[in-house]
ModelCIF file with pLDDT and N, C-alpha, C, O atoms, coordinates in Angstrom:
data_MODEL
#
_entry.id   MODEL 
#
_entity.id                         1 
_entity.type                       polymer 
_entity.pdbx_number_of_molecules   1 
#
_entity_poly.entity_id                      1 
_entity_poly.type                           'polypeptide(L)' 
_entity_poly.nstd_linkage                   no 
_entity_poly.nstd_monomer                   no 
_entity_poly.pdbx_seq_one_letter_code       
;(UNK)(UNK)(UNK)(UNK)(UNK)(UNK)(UNK)(UNK)(UNK)(UNK)(UNK)(UNK)(UNK)(UNK)(UNK)(UNK)
(UNK)(UNK)(UNK)(UNK)(UNK)(UNK)(UNK)(UNK)(UNK)(UNK)(UNK)(UNK)(UNK)(UNK)(UNK)(UNK)
(UNK)(UNK)(UNK)(UNK)(UNK)(UNK)(UNK)(UNK)(UNK)(UNK)(UNK)(UNK)(UNK)(UNK)(UNK)(UNK)
;
_entity_poly.pdbx_seq_one_letter_code_can   XXXXXXXXXXXXXXXXXXXXXXXXXXXXXXXXXXXXXXXXXXXXXXXX 
_entity_poly.pdbx_strand_id                 A 
#
loop_
_entity_poly_seq.entity_id 
_entity_poly_seq.num 
_entity_poly_seq.mon_id 
_entity_poly_seq.hetero 
1 1  UNK n 
1 2  UNK n 
1 3  UNK n 
1 4  UNK n 
1 5  UNK n 
1 6  UNK n 
1 7  UNK n 
1 8  UNK n 
1 9  UNK n 
1 10 UNK n 
1 11 UNK n 
1 12 UNK n 
1 13 UNK n 
1 14 UNK n 
1 15 UNK n 
1 16 UNK n 
1 17 UNK n 
1 18 UNK n 
1 19 UNK n 
1 20 UNK n 
1 21 UNK n 
1 22 UNK n 
1 23 UNK n 
1 24 UNK n 
1 25 UNK n 
1 26 UNK n 
1 27 UNK n 
1 28 UNK n 
1 29 UNK n 
1 30 UNK n 
1 31 UNK n 
1 32 UNK n 
1 33 UNK n 
1 34 UNK n 
1 35 UNK n 
1 36 UNK n 
1 37 UNK n 
1 38 UNK n 
1 39 UNK n 
1 40 UNK n 
1 41 UNK n 
1 42 UNK n 
1 43 UNK n 
1 44 UNK n 
1 45 UNK n 
1 46 UNK n 
1 47 UNK n 
1 48 UNK n 
#
_struct_asym.id          A 
_struct_asym.entity_id   1 
#
loop_
_ma_qa_metric.id 
_ma_qa_metric.mode 
_ma_qa_metric.name 
_ma_qa_metric.software_group_id 
_ma_qa_metric.type 
1 global pLDDT . pLDDT 
2 local  pLDDT . pLDDT 
#
_ma_qa_metric_global.metric_id      1 
_ma_qa_metric_global.metric_value   93.31 
_ma_qa_metric_global.model_id       1 
_ma_qa_metric_global.ordinal_id     1 
#
loop_
_ma_qa_metric_local.label_asym_id 
_ma_qa_metric_local.label_comp_id 
_ma_qa_metric_local.label_seq_id 
_ma_qa_metric_local.metric_id 
_ma_qa_metric_local.metric_value 
_ma_qa_metric_local.model_id 
_ma_qa_metric_local.ordinal_id 
A UNK 1  2 93.00 1 1  
A UNK 2  2 93.00 1 2  
A UNK 3  2 96.00 1 3  
A UNK 4  2 96.00 1 4  
A UNK 5  2 96.00 1 5  
A UNK 6  2 95.00 1 6  
A UNK 7  2 93.00 1 7  
A UNK 8  2 88.00 1 8  
A UNK 9  2 83.00 1 9  
A UNK 10 2 86.00 1 10 
A UNK 11 2 86.00 1 11 
A UNK 12 2 91.00 1 12 
A UNK 13 2 93.00 1 13 
A UNK 14 2 94.00 1 14 
A UNK 15 2 95.00 1 15 
A UNK 16 2 94.00 1 16 
A UNK 17 2 95.00 1 17 
A UNK 18 2 94.00 1 18 
A UNK 19 2 90.00 1 19 
A UNK 20 2 90.00 1 20 
A UNK 21 2 91.00 1 21 
A UNK 22 2 88.00 1 22 
A UNK 23 2 81.00 1 23 
A UNK 24 2 87.00 1 24 
A UNK 25 2 94.00 1 25 
A UNK 26 2 94.00 1 26 
A UNK 27 2 94.00 1 27 
A UNK 28 2 94.00 1 28 
A UNK 29 2 96.00 1 29 
A UNK 30 2 96.00 1 30 
A UNK 31 2 96.00 1 31 
A UNK 32 2 97.00 1 32 
A UNK 33 2 97.00 1 33 
A UNK 34 2 97.00 1 34 
A UNK 35 2 97.00 1 35 
A UNK 36 2 96.00 1 36 
A UNK 37 2 96.00 1 37 
A UNK 38 2 97.00 1 38 
A UNK 39 2 97.00 1 39 
A UNK 40 2 97.00 1 40 
A UNK 41 2 96.00 1 41 
A UNK 42 2 96.00 1 42 
A UNK 43 2 96.00 1 43 
A UNK 44 2 96.00 1 44 
A UNK 45 2 94.00 1 45 
A UNK 46 2 93.00 1 46 
A UNK 47 2 93.00 1 47 
A UNK 48 2 92.00 1 48 
#
loop_
_atom_site.group_PDB 
_atom_site.id 
_atom_site.type_symbol 
_atom_site.label_atom_id 
_atom_site.label_alt_id 
_atom_site.label_comp_id 
_atom_site.label_asym_id 
_atom_site.label_entity_id 
_atom_site.label_seq_id 
_atom_site.pdbx_PDB_ins_code 
_atom_site.Cartn_x 
_atom_site.Cartn_y 
_atom_site.Cartn_z 
_atom_site.occupancy 
_atom_site.B_iso_or_equiv 
_atom_site.pdbx_formal_charge 
_atom_site.auth_seq_id 
_atom_site.auth_comp_id 
_atom_site.auth_asym_id 
_atom_site.auth_atom_id 
_atom_site.pdbx_PDB_model_num 
ATOM 1   N N  . UNK A 1 1  ? 11.174  3.819   3.449   1.00 93.00 ? 1  UNK A N  1 
ATOM 2   C CA . UNK A 1 1  ? 11.009  2.862   3.099   1.00 93.00 ? 1  UNK A CA 1 
ATOM 3   C C  . UNK A 1 1  ? 10.071  1.029   3.706   1.00 93.00 ? 1  UNK A C  1 
ATOM 4   O O  . UNK A 1 1  ? 9.960   -0.148  3.364   1.00 93.00 ? 1  UNK A O  1 
ATOM 5   N N  . UNK A 1 2  ? 9.641   2.002   4.764   1.00 93.00 ? 2  UNK A N  1 
ATOM 6   C CA . UNK A 1 2  ? 8.949   0.140   5.170   1.00 93.00 ? 2  UNK A CA 1 
ATOM 7   C C  . UNK A 1 2  ? 7.632   0.356   5.221   1.00 93.00 ? 2  UNK A C  1 
ATOM 8   O O  . UNK A 1 2  ? 7.130   -0.300  6.134   1.00 93.00 ? 2  UNK A O  1 
ATOM 9   N N  . UNK A 1 3  ? 6.733   1.107   4.527   1.00 96.00 ? 3  UNK A N  1 
ATOM 10  C CA . UNK A 1 3  ? 5.628   1.095   3.963   1.00 96.00 ? 3  UNK A CA 1 
ATOM 11  C C  . UNK A 1 3  ? 5.427   -0.276  2.972   1.00 96.00 ? 3  UNK A C  1 
ATOM 12  O O  . UNK A 1 3  ? 6.084   -0.738  2.039   1.00 96.00 ? 3  UNK A O  1 
ATOM 13  N N  . UNK A 1 4  ? 3.891   -0.772  3.819   1.00 96.00 ? 4  UNK A N  1 
ATOM 14  C CA . UNK A 1 4  ? 3.607   -2.142  3.416   1.00 96.00 ? 4  UNK A CA 1 
ATOM 15  C C  . UNK A 1 4  ? 2.343   -1.562  2.717   1.00 96.00 ? 4  UNK A C  1 
ATOM 16  O O  . UNK A 1 4  ? 2.073   -0.364  2.795   1.00 96.00 ? 4  UNK A O  1 
ATOM 17  N N  . UNK A 1 5  ? 1.677   -2.338  2.120   1.00 96.00 ? 5  UNK A N  1 
ATOM 18  C CA . UNK A 1 5  ? -0.035  -2.176  1.992   1.00 96.00 ? 5  UNK A CA 1 
ATOM 19  C C  . UNK A 1 5  ? -0.378  -3.305  1.546   1.00 96.00 ? 5  UNK A C  1 
ATOM 20  O O  . UNK A 1 5  ? 0.314   -3.790  0.651   1.00 96.00 ? 5  UNK A O  1 
ATOM 21  N N  . UNK A 1 6  ? -1.655  -4.108  2.093   1.00 95.00 ? 6  UNK A N  1 
ATOM 22  C CA . UNK A 1 6  ? -2.148  -4.596  1.899   1.00 95.00 ? 6  UNK A CA 1 
ATOM 23  C C  . UNK A 1 6  ? -3.736  -5.095  1.444   1.00 95.00 ? 6  UNK A C  1 
ATOM 24  O O  . UNK A 1 6  ? -4.801  -4.666  1.887   1.00 95.00 ? 6  UNK A O  1 
ATOM 25  N N  . UNK A 1 7  ? -3.529  -6.045  0.507   1.00 93.00 ? 7  UNK A N  1 
ATOM 26  C CA . UNK A 1 7  ? -4.994  -6.039  -0.650  1.00 93.00 ? 7  UNK A CA 1 
ATOM 27  C C  . UNK A 1 7  ? -5.924  -7.542  0.066   1.00 93.00 ? 7  UNK A C  1 
ATOM 28  O O  . UNK A 1 7  ? -5.672  -8.697  -0.279  1.00 93.00 ? 7  UNK A O  1 
ATOM 29  N N  . UNK A 1 8  ? -6.701  -7.263  0.812   1.00 88.00 ? 8  UNK A N  1 
ATOM 30  C CA . UNK A 1 8  ? -7.525  -8.676  1.252   1.00 88.00 ? 8  UNK A CA 1 
ATOM 31  C C  . UNK A 1 8  ? -8.610  -8.612  0.596   1.00 88.00 ? 8  UNK A C  1 
ATOM 32  O O  . UNK A 1 8  ? -9.156  -7.623  0.106   1.00 88.00 ? 8  UNK A O  1 
ATOM 33  N N  . UNK A 1 9  ? -9.072  -10.224 0.590   1.00 83.00 ? 9  UNK A N  1 
ATOM 34  C CA . UNK A 1 9  ? -9.721  -11.056 -0.305  1.00 83.00 ? 9  UNK A CA 1 
ATOM 35  C C  . UNK A 1 9  ? -11.304 -10.217 -0.918  1.00 83.00 ? 9  UNK A C  1 
ATOM 36  O O  . UNK A 1 9  ? -11.657 -10.169 -2.096  1.00 83.00 ? 9  UNK A O  1 
ATOM 37  N N  . UNK A 1 10 ? -12.021 -9.645  0.238   1.00 86.00 ? 10 UNK A N  1 
ATOM 38  C CA . UNK A 1 10 ? -12.396 -8.301  0.426   1.00 86.00 ? 10 UNK A CA 1 
ATOM 39  C C  . UNK A 1 10 ? -12.054 -7.454  -0.829  1.00 86.00 ? 10 UNK A C  1 
ATOM 40  O O  . UNK A 1 10 ? -13.071 -7.062  -1.400  1.00 86.00 ? 10 UNK A O  1 
ATOM 41  N N  . UNK A 1 11 ? -11.131 -7.149  -1.289  1.00 86.00 ? 11 UNK A N  1 
ATOM 42  C CA . UNK A 1 11 ? -10.952 -6.029  -2.197  1.00 86.00 ? 11 UNK A CA 1 
ATOM 43  C C  . UNK A 1 11 ? -10.536 -5.094  -1.728  1.00 86.00 ? 11 UNK A C  1 
ATOM 44  O O  . UNK A 1 11 ? -10.014 -4.292  -2.502  1.00 86.00 ? 11 UNK A O  1 
ATOM 45  N N  . UNK A 1 12 ? -10.571 -4.756  -0.239  1.00 91.00 ? 12 UNK A N  1 
ATOM 46  C CA . UNK A 1 12 ? -10.365 -3.716  0.635   1.00 91.00 ? 12 UNK A CA 1 
ATOM 47  C C  . UNK A 1 12 ? -8.870  -4.016  0.261   1.00 91.00 ? 12 UNK A C  1 
ATOM 48  O O  . UNK A 1 12 ? -8.348  -5.131  0.263   1.00 91.00 ? 12 UNK A O  1 
ATOM 49  N N  . UNK A 1 13 ? -8.173  -2.616  -0.114  1.00 93.00 ? 13 UNK A N  1 
ATOM 50  C CA . UNK A 1 13 ? -6.647  -2.058  -0.080  1.00 93.00 ? 13 UNK A CA 1 
ATOM 51  C C  . UNK A 1 13 ? -6.416  -1.109  0.829   1.00 93.00 ? 13 UNK A C  1 
ATOM 52  O O  . UNK A 1 13 ? -7.061  -0.070  0.971   1.00 93.00 ? 13 UNK A O  1 
ATOM 53  N N  . UNK A 1 14 ? -5.076  -1.635  1.725   1.00 94.00 ? 14 UNK A N  1 
ATOM 54  C CA . UNK A 1 14 ? -4.770  -0.195  2.675   1.00 94.00 ? 14 UNK A CA 1 
ATOM 55  C C  . UNK A 1 14 ? -3.642  -0.606  3.264   1.00 94.00 ? 14 UNK A C  1 
ATOM 56  O O  . UNK A 1 14 ? -3.226  -1.756  3.400   1.00 94.00 ? 14 UNK A O  1 
ATOM 57  N N  . UNK A 1 15 ? -3.188  0.382   3.595   1.00 95.00 ? 15 UNK A N  1 
ATOM 58  C CA . UNK A 1 15 ? -1.698  0.967   3.972   1.00 95.00 ? 15 UNK A CA 1 
ATOM 59  C C  . UNK A 1 15 ? -1.602  0.054   5.664   1.00 95.00 ? 15 UNK A C  1 
ATOM 60  O O  . UNK A 1 15 ? -2.120  0.656   6.604   1.00 95.00 ? 15 UNK A O  1 
ATOM 61  N N  . UNK A 1 16 ? -1.098  -1.023  5.895   1.00 94.00 ? 16 UNK A N  1 
ATOM 62  C CA . UNK A 1 16 ? -1.176  -1.231  7.531   1.00 94.00 ? 16 UNK A CA 1 
ATOM 63  C C  . UNK A 1 16 ? 0.838   -0.920  8.085   1.00 94.00 ? 16 UNK A C  1 
ATOM 64  O O  . UNK A 1 16 ? 1.459   -1.110  9.130   1.00 94.00 ? 16 UNK A O  1 
ATOM 65  N N  . UNK A 1 17 ? 1.080   -0.565  7.180   1.00 95.00 ? 17 UNK A N  1 
ATOM 66  C CA . UNK A 1 17 ? 2.353   0.136   8.047   1.00 95.00 ? 17 UNK A CA 1 
ATOM 67  C C  . UNK A 1 17 ? 3.295   1.103   7.002   1.00 95.00 ? 17 UNK A C  1 
ATOM 68  O O  . UNK A 1 17 ? 3.455   0.843   5.809   1.00 95.00 ? 17 UNK A O  1 
ATOM 69  N N  . UNK A 1 18 ? 3.841   2.188   7.661   1.00 94.00 ? 18 UNK A N  1 
ATOM 70  C CA . UNK A 1 18 ? 4.003   2.401   9.252   1.00 94.00 ? 18 UNK A CA 1 
ATOM 71  C C  . UNK A 1 18 ? 2.415   2.677   9.681   1.00 94.00 ? 18 UNK A C  1 
ATOM 72  O O  . UNK A 1 18 ? 1.386   3.142   9.192   1.00 94.00 ? 18 UNK A O  1 
ATOM 73  N N  . UNK A 1 19 ? 3.008   1.946   11.203  1.00 90.00 ? 19 UNK A N  1 
ATOM 74  C CA . UNK A 1 19 ? 0.925   2.276   11.561  1.00 90.00 ? 19 UNK A CA 1 
ATOM 75  C C  . UNK A 1 19 ? 0.539   3.885   10.896  1.00 90.00 ? 19 UNK A C  1 
ATOM 76  O O  . UNK A 1 19 ? -0.080  3.830   9.833   1.00 90.00 ? 19 UNK A O  1 
ATOM 77  N N  . UNK A 1 20 ? 0.823   5.170   11.379  1.00 90.00 ? 20 UNK A N  1 
ATOM 78  C CA . UNK A 1 20 ? 0.967   6.628   11.477  1.00 90.00 ? 20 UNK A CA 1 
ATOM 79  C C  . UNK A 1 20 ? 0.248   6.609   10.431  1.00 90.00 ? 20 UNK A C  1 
ATOM 80  O O  . UNK A 1 20 ? -0.686  7.410   10.391  1.00 90.00 ? 20 UNK A O  1 
ATOM 81  N N  . UNK A 1 21 ? 0.513   5.506   9.049   1.00 91.00 ? 21 UNK A N  1 
ATOM 82  C CA . UNK A 1 21 ? -0.079  5.655   8.014   1.00 91.00 ? 21 UNK A CA 1 
ATOM 83  C C  . UNK A 1 21 ? -1.846  5.222   7.195   1.00 91.00 ? 21 UNK A C  1 
ATOM 84  O O  . UNK A 1 21 ? -2.734  5.546   6.407   1.00 91.00 ? 21 UNK A O  1 
ATOM 85  N N  . UNK A 1 22 ? -1.444  4.464   7.977   1.00 88.00 ? 22 UNK A N  1 
ATOM 86  C CA . UNK A 1 22 ? -3.051  3.396   8.383   1.00 88.00 ? 22 UNK A CA 1 
ATOM 87  C C  . UNK A 1 22 ? -4.263  4.723   8.131   1.00 88.00 ? 22 UNK A C  1 
ATOM 88  O O  . UNK A 1 22 ? -5.326  4.258   7.720   1.00 88.00 ? 22 UNK A O  1 
ATOM 89  N N  . UNK A 1 23 ? -4.274  5.952   8.270   1.00 81.00 ? 23 UNK A N  1 
ATOM 90  C CA . UNK A 1 23 ? -5.595  6.347   8.059   1.00 81.00 ? 23 UNK A CA 1 
ATOM 91  C C  . UNK A 1 23 ? -4.838  7.254   6.587   1.00 81.00 ? 23 UNK A C  1 
ATOM 92  O O  . UNK A 1 23 ? -5.149  6.990   5.425   1.00 81.00 ? 23 UNK A O  1 
ATOM 93  N N  . UNK A 1 24 ? -3.798  8.350   6.992   1.00 87.00 ? 24 UNK A N  1 
ATOM 94  C CA . UNK A 1 24 ? -3.788  9.431   6.604   1.00 87.00 ? 24 UNK A CA 1 
ATOM 95  C C  . UNK A 1 24 ? -3.000  9.297   4.787   1.00 87.00 ? 24 UNK A C  1 
ATOM 96  O O  . UNK A 1 24 ? -2.579  10.303  4.215   1.00 87.00 ? 24 UNK A O  1 
ATOM 97  N N  . UNK A 1 25 ? -2.946  7.834   4.126   1.00 94.00 ? 25 UNK A N  1 
ATOM 98  C CA . UNK A 1 25 ? -2.580  7.650   3.298   1.00 94.00 ? 25 UNK A CA 1 
ATOM 99  C C  . UNK A 1 25 ? -3.414  7.105   2.219   1.00 94.00 ? 25 UNK A C  1 
ATOM 100 O O  . UNK A 1 25 ? -3.529  5.908   2.482   1.00 94.00 ? 25 UNK A O  1 
ATOM 101 N N  . UNK A 1 26 ? -3.936  7.322   1.339   1.00 94.00 ? 26 UNK A N  1 
ATOM 102 C CA . UNK A 1 26 ? -5.390  6.352   0.765   1.00 94.00 ? 26 UNK A CA 1 
ATOM 103 C C  . UNK A 1 26 ? -4.525  5.724   -0.335  1.00 94.00 ? 26 UNK A C  1 
ATOM 104 O O  . UNK A 1 26 ? -3.580  6.227   -0.943  1.00 94.00 ? 26 UNK A O  1 
ATOM 105 N N  . UNK A 1 27 ? -5.196  4.231   -0.471  1.00 94.00 ? 27 UNK A N  1 
ATOM 106 C CA . UNK A 1 27 ? -5.127  3.445   -1.740  1.00 94.00 ? 27 UNK A CA 1 
ATOM 107 C C  . UNK A 1 27 ? -5.502  3.768   -2.899  1.00 94.00 ? 27 UNK A C  1 
ATOM 108 O O  . UNK A 1 27 ? -5.519  2.910   -3.782  1.00 94.00 ? 27 UNK A O  1 
ATOM 109 N N  . UNK A 1 28 ? -5.850  4.960   -3.130  1.00 94.00 ? 28 UNK A N  1 
ATOM 110 C CA . UNK A 1 28 ? -6.396  5.752   -4.476  1.00 94.00 ? 28 UNK A CA 1 
ATOM 111 C C  . UNK A 1 28 ? -4.917  6.508   -4.324  1.00 94.00 ? 28 UNK A C  1 
ATOM 112 O O  . UNK A 1 28 ? -4.366  6.370   -5.416  1.00 94.00 ? 28 UNK A O  1 
ATOM 113 N N  . UNK A 1 29 ? -4.133  7.178   -3.507  1.00 96.00 ? 29 UNK A N  1 
ATOM 114 C CA . UNK A 1 29 ? -3.249  7.989   -3.455  1.00 96.00 ? 29 UNK A CA 1 
ATOM 115 C C  . UNK A 1 29 ? -2.049  6.807   -4.042  1.00 96.00 ? 29 UNK A C  1 
ATOM 116 O O  . UNK A 1 29 ? -1.841  7.019   -5.236  1.00 96.00 ? 29 UNK A O  1 
ATOM 117 N N  . UNK A 1 30 ? -1.163  5.550   -3.465  1.00 96.00 ? 30 UNK A N  1 
ATOM 118 C CA . UNK A 1 30 ? -0.897  4.975   -3.826  1.00 96.00 ? 30 UNK A CA 1 
ATOM 119 C C  . UNK A 1 30 ? -0.852  4.804   -5.401  1.00 96.00 ? 30 UNK A C  1 
ATOM 120 O O  . UNK A 1 30 ? 0.067   4.905   -6.215  1.00 96.00 ? 30 UNK A O  1 
ATOM 121 N N  . UNK A 1 31 ? -1.995  4.552   -5.498  1.00 96.00 ? 31 UNK A N  1 
ATOM 122 C CA . UNK A 1 31 ? -2.315  3.790   -7.356  1.00 96.00 ? 31 UNK A CA 1 
ATOM 123 C C  . UNK A 1 31 ? -1.306  5.193   -8.241  1.00 96.00 ? 31 UNK A C  1 
ATOM 124 O O  . UNK A 1 31 ? -0.373  5.208   -9.045  1.00 96.00 ? 31 UNK A O  1 
ATOM 125 N N  . UNK A 1 32 ? -2.170  6.264   -7.508  1.00 97.00 ? 32 UNK A N  1 
ATOM 126 C CA . UNK A 1 32 ? -1.964  7.753   -7.913  1.00 97.00 ? 32 UNK A CA 1 
ATOM 127 C C  . UNK A 1 32 ? -0.363  7.953   -8.955  1.00 97.00 ? 32 UNK A C  1 
ATOM 128 O O  . UNK A 1 32 ? -0.176  8.361   -10.101 1.00 97.00 ? 32 UNK A O  1 
ATOM 129 N N  . UNK A 1 33 ? 0.503   7.470   -7.942  1.00 97.00 ? 33 UNK A N  1 
ATOM 130 C CA . UNK A 1 33 ? 1.783   7.735   -7.817  1.00 97.00 ? 33 UNK A CA 1 
ATOM 131 C C  . UNK A 1 33 ? 2.620   6.727   -8.190  1.00 97.00 ? 33 UNK A C  1 
ATOM 132 O O  . UNK A 1 33 ? 3.712   7.063   -8.648  1.00 97.00 ? 33 UNK A O  1 
ATOM 133 N N  . UNK A 1 34 ? 2.238   5.024   -8.055  1.00 97.00 ? 34 UNK A N  1 
ATOM 134 C CA . UNK A 1 34 ? 2.822   4.152   -8.765  1.00 97.00 ? 34 UNK A CA 1 
ATOM 135 C C  . UNK A 1 34 ? 2.600   4.591   -10.395 1.00 97.00 ? 34 UNK A C  1 
ATOM 136 O O  . UNK A 1 34 ? 3.575   4.583   -11.146 1.00 97.00 ? 34 UNK A O  1 
ATOM 137 N N  . UNK A 1 35 ? 1.145   5.003   -10.927 1.00 97.00 ? 35 UNK A N  1 
ATOM 138 C CA . UNK A 1 35 ? 0.945   5.066   -12.477 1.00 97.00 ? 35 UNK A CA 1 
ATOM 139 C C  . UNK A 1 35 ? 2.100   6.278   -12.824 1.00 97.00 ? 35 UNK A C  1 
ATOM 140 O O  . UNK A 1 35 ? 2.471   6.561   -13.963 1.00 97.00 ? 35 UNK A O  1 
ATOM 141 N N  . UNK A 1 36 ? 2.551   6.886   -11.635 1.00 96.00 ? 36 UNK A N  1 
ATOM 142 C CA . UNK A 1 36 ? 3.223   8.052   -11.983 1.00 96.00 ? 36 UNK A CA 1 
ATOM 143 C C  . UNK A 1 36 ? 4.855   7.610   -12.172 1.00 96.00 ? 36 UNK A C  1 
ATOM 144 O O  . UNK A 1 36 ? 5.582   8.280   -12.906 1.00 96.00 ? 36 UNK A O  1 
ATOM 145 N N  . UNK A 1 37 ? 5.491   6.115   -11.255 1.00 96.00 ? 37 UNK A N  1 
ATOM 146 C CA . UNK A 1 37 ? 6.481   6.316   -11.622 1.00 96.00 ? 37 UNK A CA 1 
ATOM 147 C C  . UNK A 1 37 ? 7.178   6.841   -9.963  1.00 96.00 ? 37 UNK A C  1 
ATOM 148 O O  . UNK A 1 37 ? 8.328   7.147   -9.650  1.00 96.00 ? 37 UNK A O  1 
ATOM 149 N N  . UNK A 1 38 ? 6.582   6.808   -9.586  1.00 97.00 ? 38 UNK A N  1 
ATOM 150 C CA . UNK A 1 38 ? 7.085   7.999   -8.059  1.00 97.00 ? 38 UNK A CA 1 
ATOM 151 C C  . UNK A 1 38 ? 6.894   6.651   -7.090  1.00 97.00 ? 38 UNK A C  1 
ATOM 152 O O  . UNK A 1 38 ? 7.401   7.021   -6.031  1.00 97.00 ? 38 UNK A O  1 
ATOM 153 N N  . UNK A 1 39 ? 6.481   5.441   -6.922  1.00 97.00 ? 39 UNK A N  1 
ATOM 154 C CA . UNK A 1 39 ? 6.323   4.526   -6.169  1.00 97.00 ? 39 UNK A CA 1 
ATOM 155 C C  . UNK A 1 39 ? 6.212   3.119   -6.521  1.00 97.00 ? 39 UNK A C  1 
ATOM 156 O O  . UNK A 1 39 ? 5.235   2.828   -7.212  1.00 97.00 ? 39 UNK A O  1 
ATOM 157 N N  . UNK A 1 40 ? 6.836   2.387   -6.263  1.00 97.00 ? 40 UNK A N  1 
ATOM 158 C CA . UNK A 1 40 ? 6.608   0.962   -6.429  1.00 97.00 ? 40 UNK A CA 1 
ATOM 159 C C  . UNK A 1 40 ? 6.018   0.247   -5.676  1.00 97.00 ? 40 UNK A C  1 
ATOM 160 O O  . UNK A 1 40 ? 6.003   0.575   -4.489  1.00 97.00 ? 40 UNK A O  1 
ATOM 161 N N  . UNK A 1 41 ? 5.360   -0.923  -6.082  1.00 96.00 ? 41 UNK A N  1 
ATOM 162 C CA . UNK A 1 41 ? 4.553   -1.915  -4.869  1.00 96.00 ? 41 UNK A CA 1 
ATOM 163 C C  . UNK A 1 41 ? 5.347   -3.651  -5.427  1.00 96.00 ? 41 UNK A C  1 
ATOM 164 O O  . UNK A 1 41 ? 5.242   -4.162  -6.542  1.00 96.00 ? 41 UNK A O  1 
ATOM 165 N N  . UNK A 1 42 ? 5.971   -4.115  -4.413  1.00 96.00 ? 42 UNK A N  1 
ATOM 166 C CA . UNK A 1 42 ? 6.774   -5.064  -4.844  1.00 96.00 ? 42 UNK A CA 1 
ATOM 167 C C  . UNK A 1 42 ? 5.815   -5.974  -3.656  1.00 96.00 ? 42 UNK A C  1 
ATOM 168 O O  . UNK A 1 42 ? 5.518   -5.806  -2.473  1.00 96.00 ? 42 UNK A O  1 
ATOM 169 N N  . UNK A 1 43 ? 5.450   -7.319  -5.014  1.00 96.00 ? 43 UNK A N  1 
ATOM 170 C CA . UNK A 1 43 ? 4.663   -8.474  -3.345  1.00 96.00 ? 43 UNK A CA 1 
ATOM 171 C C  . UNK A 1 43 ? 5.378   -8.552  -2.606  1.00 96.00 ? 43 UNK A C  1 
ATOM 172 O O  . UNK A 1 43 ? 6.430   -8.094  -3.052  1.00 96.00 ? 43 UNK A O  1 
ATOM 173 N N  . UNK A 1 44 ? 5.484   -8.879  -1.651  1.00 96.00 ? 44 UNK A N  1 
ATOM 174 C CA . UNK A 1 44 ? 6.425   -9.770  -0.287  1.00 96.00 ? 44 UNK A CA 1 
ATOM 175 C C  . UNK A 1 44 ? 6.370   -11.700 -0.219  1.00 96.00 ? 44 UNK A C  1 
ATOM 176 O O  . UNK A 1 44 ? 5.539   -12.593 -0.385  1.00 96.00 ? 44 UNK A O  1 
ATOM 177 N N  . UNK A 1 45 ? 7.418   -11.595 0.033   1.00 94.00 ? 45 UNK A N  1 
ATOM 178 C CA . UNK A 1 45 ? 7.130   -13.543 -0.455  1.00 94.00 ? 45 UNK A CA 1 
ATOM 179 C C  . UNK A 1 45 ? 6.565   -14.264 0.844   1.00 94.00 ? 45 UNK A C  1 
ATOM 180 O O  . UNK A 1 45 ? 5.827   -15.234 1.012   1.00 94.00 ? 45 UNK A O  1 
ATOM 181 N N  . UNK A 1 46 ? 7.062   -13.595 1.483   1.00 93.00 ? 46 UNK A N  1 
ATOM 182 C CA . UNK A 1 46 ? 6.669   -13.919 3.043   1.00 93.00 ? 46 UNK A CA 1 
ATOM 183 C C  . UNK A 1 46 ? 4.542   -13.503 3.361   1.00 93.00 ? 46 UNK A C  1 
ATOM 184 O O  . UNK A 1 46 ? 3.631   -14.025 4.003   1.00 93.00 ? 46 UNK A O  1 
ATOM 185 N N  . UNK A 1 47 ? 4.657   -12.665 2.720   1.00 93.00 ? 47 UNK A N  1 
ATOM 186 C CA . UNK A 1 47 ? 3.086   -11.840 3.499   1.00 93.00 ? 47 UNK A CA 1 
ATOM 187 C C  . UNK A 1 47 ? 2.568   -12.008 2.054   1.00 93.00 ? 47 UNK A C  1 
ATOM 188 O O  . UNK A 1 47 ? 2.826   -11.318 1.068   1.00 93.00 ? 47 UNK A O  1 
ATOM 189 N N  . UNK A 1 48 ? 1.741   -13.139 2.176   1.00 92.00 ? 48 UNK A N  1 
ATOM 190 C CA . UNK A 1 48 ? 0.843   -13.110 1.085   1.00 92.00 ? 48 UNK A CA 1 
ATOM 191 C C  . UNK A 1 48 ? 0.264   -12.173 0.633   1.00 92.00 ? 48 UNK A C  1 
ATOM 192 O O  . UNK A 1 48 ? -0.490  -12.319 -0.329  1.00 92.00 ? 48 UNK A O  1 
#
């Protein structure tokens, strides 16, 4: 429950937390899971 996705102004999207997921989890996989309602993405108000 502590996962965080960062979306840079350059368009780069990457999982930045947990740290061990940085390399192993791709943004494209996140999108696929979200499209099937298996995962939700919620904007963090304190972290643009």
